Each structure stands twice: as structure tokens, then as C-alpha cells.
């Protein structure tokens, strides 16, 4: 039985939320302000209610739930930033956390000095920090700004610095709160693969994220928080299914025209943003990305389709085949890789292994072109992301890129009021009537 790294027993957290009782008053702004202060009332808000769980050494655990469920509050309690109102937390080992951007850093100090400061806060000696310093800076990709005060850093730069510090200073436990919510695609891929490396090195990892498909790739199990309580725990698949049921129930209870309009507007904004980031080819050598397992190194990738003269170059008609071409270097061995497709909301659509579920065969070392044809009339109109996962021979992930290529499909024959955004796939279905009397 592995040792327990984190144990929470009956954790509850209460906040006193100010509720102003405002009366119509005459007089100056000052008099009204004073009146508010004397008539202000507070109500109790329990962000967490009787939360108990155990996380074992070497486990990767995801915490998911809707906004306001108590996820970030729980991580702040685990990090000892705030204290629980009732209950007990037991931590076995050295813990590092990335919570809100910049927490633990001093805004007036440079990136260099903040690495030393945060490392010392975590309990490392100056010598230990300096031994890892170059790796931290190299991974963060902010060497040109490392001697500038971090108050001038962007949110992406702060995330890069914070993640790099806790990834390379070898603490026993790592807490991550929405770590990959900012930053560019390439750096997110680096972070995902570093998290997989940390998981494989048996570090204890706790992750909070709204991207349930993302964290399911490297979490052994998940906890589902709802209204301050843990309502379920288990495998990633079972908890994601339960979470989706909770979302459906919540929308049924609270859904109204304004909520649906807000949701659709957000979807449209996200869709429009991703239209600007279409990527139908990539050369890994030119991008300085080494995507490699023990058996394969990816060289380049592209996606294309037969187009019509009335469409943009990167618009793929849904009624045409889509051709995926991956150039690889085969290095020997039997490590597999898989390709998958997600929609613009990061929902998984489909995927497949190259060898496990197919008859693909390769014996001789050398360069190869892997071709994959997606049949016509599979996708609906929309934005889609092709991703790749490289595995070792025991089918442990060694490298993941969820946005290897990003492409757009169009329906030239779309009719009015078609459910474009709600059904990512739209297979061609034939209906026939057969008279039976």
C-alpha cells in the first residue's frame, strides 16, 4: 500500500459575504457611504462543506466541477494560503503550487531573483536552485527578460516562469490550478509533456482545470466537486460522465434565454478566435520541436482536401475526403502512436492507434510517410483539431500535442437553421420508406 501524500478530513470553509442593506437617503455622498457602513450586513457562505479524501504518493488526481464549486478554495487550503474553518489537512512531503498567476513571486524583483526567492520558500538551498537554474530558464523561454522585474511580465510569461520553477525544483507534491489556461499552443504542449514526465517520475500531482479532456490524459483518477462537496470520485472516464450529467441538470434548472445567449456568444467568440489560428501544416525541425518516442520521430505533418474554386484555400468541404500526411523517422521497436480529432470546444470526436487497432506494419528503420484518409460526410461545419500522442512500448504516454493541426470544414449545402455548432459530426444518412400495408 503506497504512503498517503495528502489527507483531508472533514474540511469546511466559511466566508462572510457582505450584503449591503441600502435605503434611499438624502444628502451628500459621504453621508450615504456612512449610512451604508452602519447598515451593512453579512451572510455566511460555505465554499466547502465536510470534504474528505486521501491522495497517495505518486498519484495524479484531477479536481473538476462547475464555477463556484470550491475547487480553487480547496487548493488554497492545501497550499496553506488560507486555513479551513473546520477540519484537518495532513501533508506528507514538500509541496509546491501554481495557483493565481504571480502568487509566491515579488513583483519588484527580477525573474532571476524570484526563482531564487521561490526556491528558498520551498526549502531548497541556493546551490540546489542554481544547479537547476539554466533548465528552468531554458524551459520557460524567457531568458531575454530574466533580469527584468516581473511586474512587467505578461500573464503568459508569469505562467511560464511559475510552471518552470515547480517543474524542475523536485518537490514531492505539485498543485496546479488552471495552469494551461494562458500561453501559446507550443508552450502548452511542452507543459503537457512535462506533466506526463512528472507523473512518470512518481511525483504526486493535483490538478484543477475546466478542460476535462486535457487533464484526463494524465490523471489516474478524479474528484468531482459540486456546491462545496465531493459528490463522487473514481476513474477519469466515470467522473467526466458524471460531471456532464451534473452540467445537463444544472442547465435544465437554471437555463433561460439570457444564459443561452451568453453561452452562444462565448462559443462564437471562441470559434472566431480559432479561425485566426488555422494550421494545416507544420515542420517540426523548423519549429525547433523534437517530438519523439523510442520508435518514432515526427518530421512534419500536413492536412488537405480537394477544394472548390468558390471556397477559401483552407476551407475543407464536408463532402470531400480529408488527407492527413505525417512524415516520420522510424527508429525501431514497437512503440505505438495515436491520432485523434477534437472540436473547437476540445470535445473528443474520434481517434485511433496506428498499430494496436490497425494492420499497419513497419520493419525497416528509415524515413516514412504515414497517410490517413478521413472519409467524406463525417464532419459538420466547424473548426477541428488533429492531435497526436506518442507512447512507449508499455503504452505509457511520452509526448502529446492536442493541436498538431487545426482545420476548418464548410458545408456548401447548409440549410437555414442547421445545427452547426451543436453537432460536430454530421454523417450522411439515407432514409427510405417501405410500405408495409
Foldseek 3Di string as FASTA:
>chain_A
DFAWFKWWFQFKAKDWAKDWDQDDDDDDPVVRVVVRVVRIDTDIAILAGGETDTFGFLAEEEEEEDPSLNPLVVVCCQVVVDDTPDTDMDGDWQEDEDHPQQPQADQQFFLQVSLQSSCVVSPDDSVLSVVCVVVLCVLLVPVVRRRPRCVPPDSQSSLSNRLSSPLRSDIQEYEYEQSLVDDDQVSSQVSLLSLLVCSVVRRHYYYYDNLLVSSLLRGQKYFYGGSNYGPDIDHSVVVVVVNVVVVVVVCVVPPDPVVVVVVVVVVVVLQVVVVVVFFFKDACVVVVHFDDDQFKTWGMKGKAWDDDPVDDRQEHELQTKMKIKTKMWTNDDDWKKKKFKAFSVRHTDDMDIPPPPDPDDDDDTGIDMDMDIDHHQWFAWGKMAMKMFTAYPVRRTNGIRGRSGMGTYDHPPDDPPDPRPPDGTGHDDDDDDDDDD
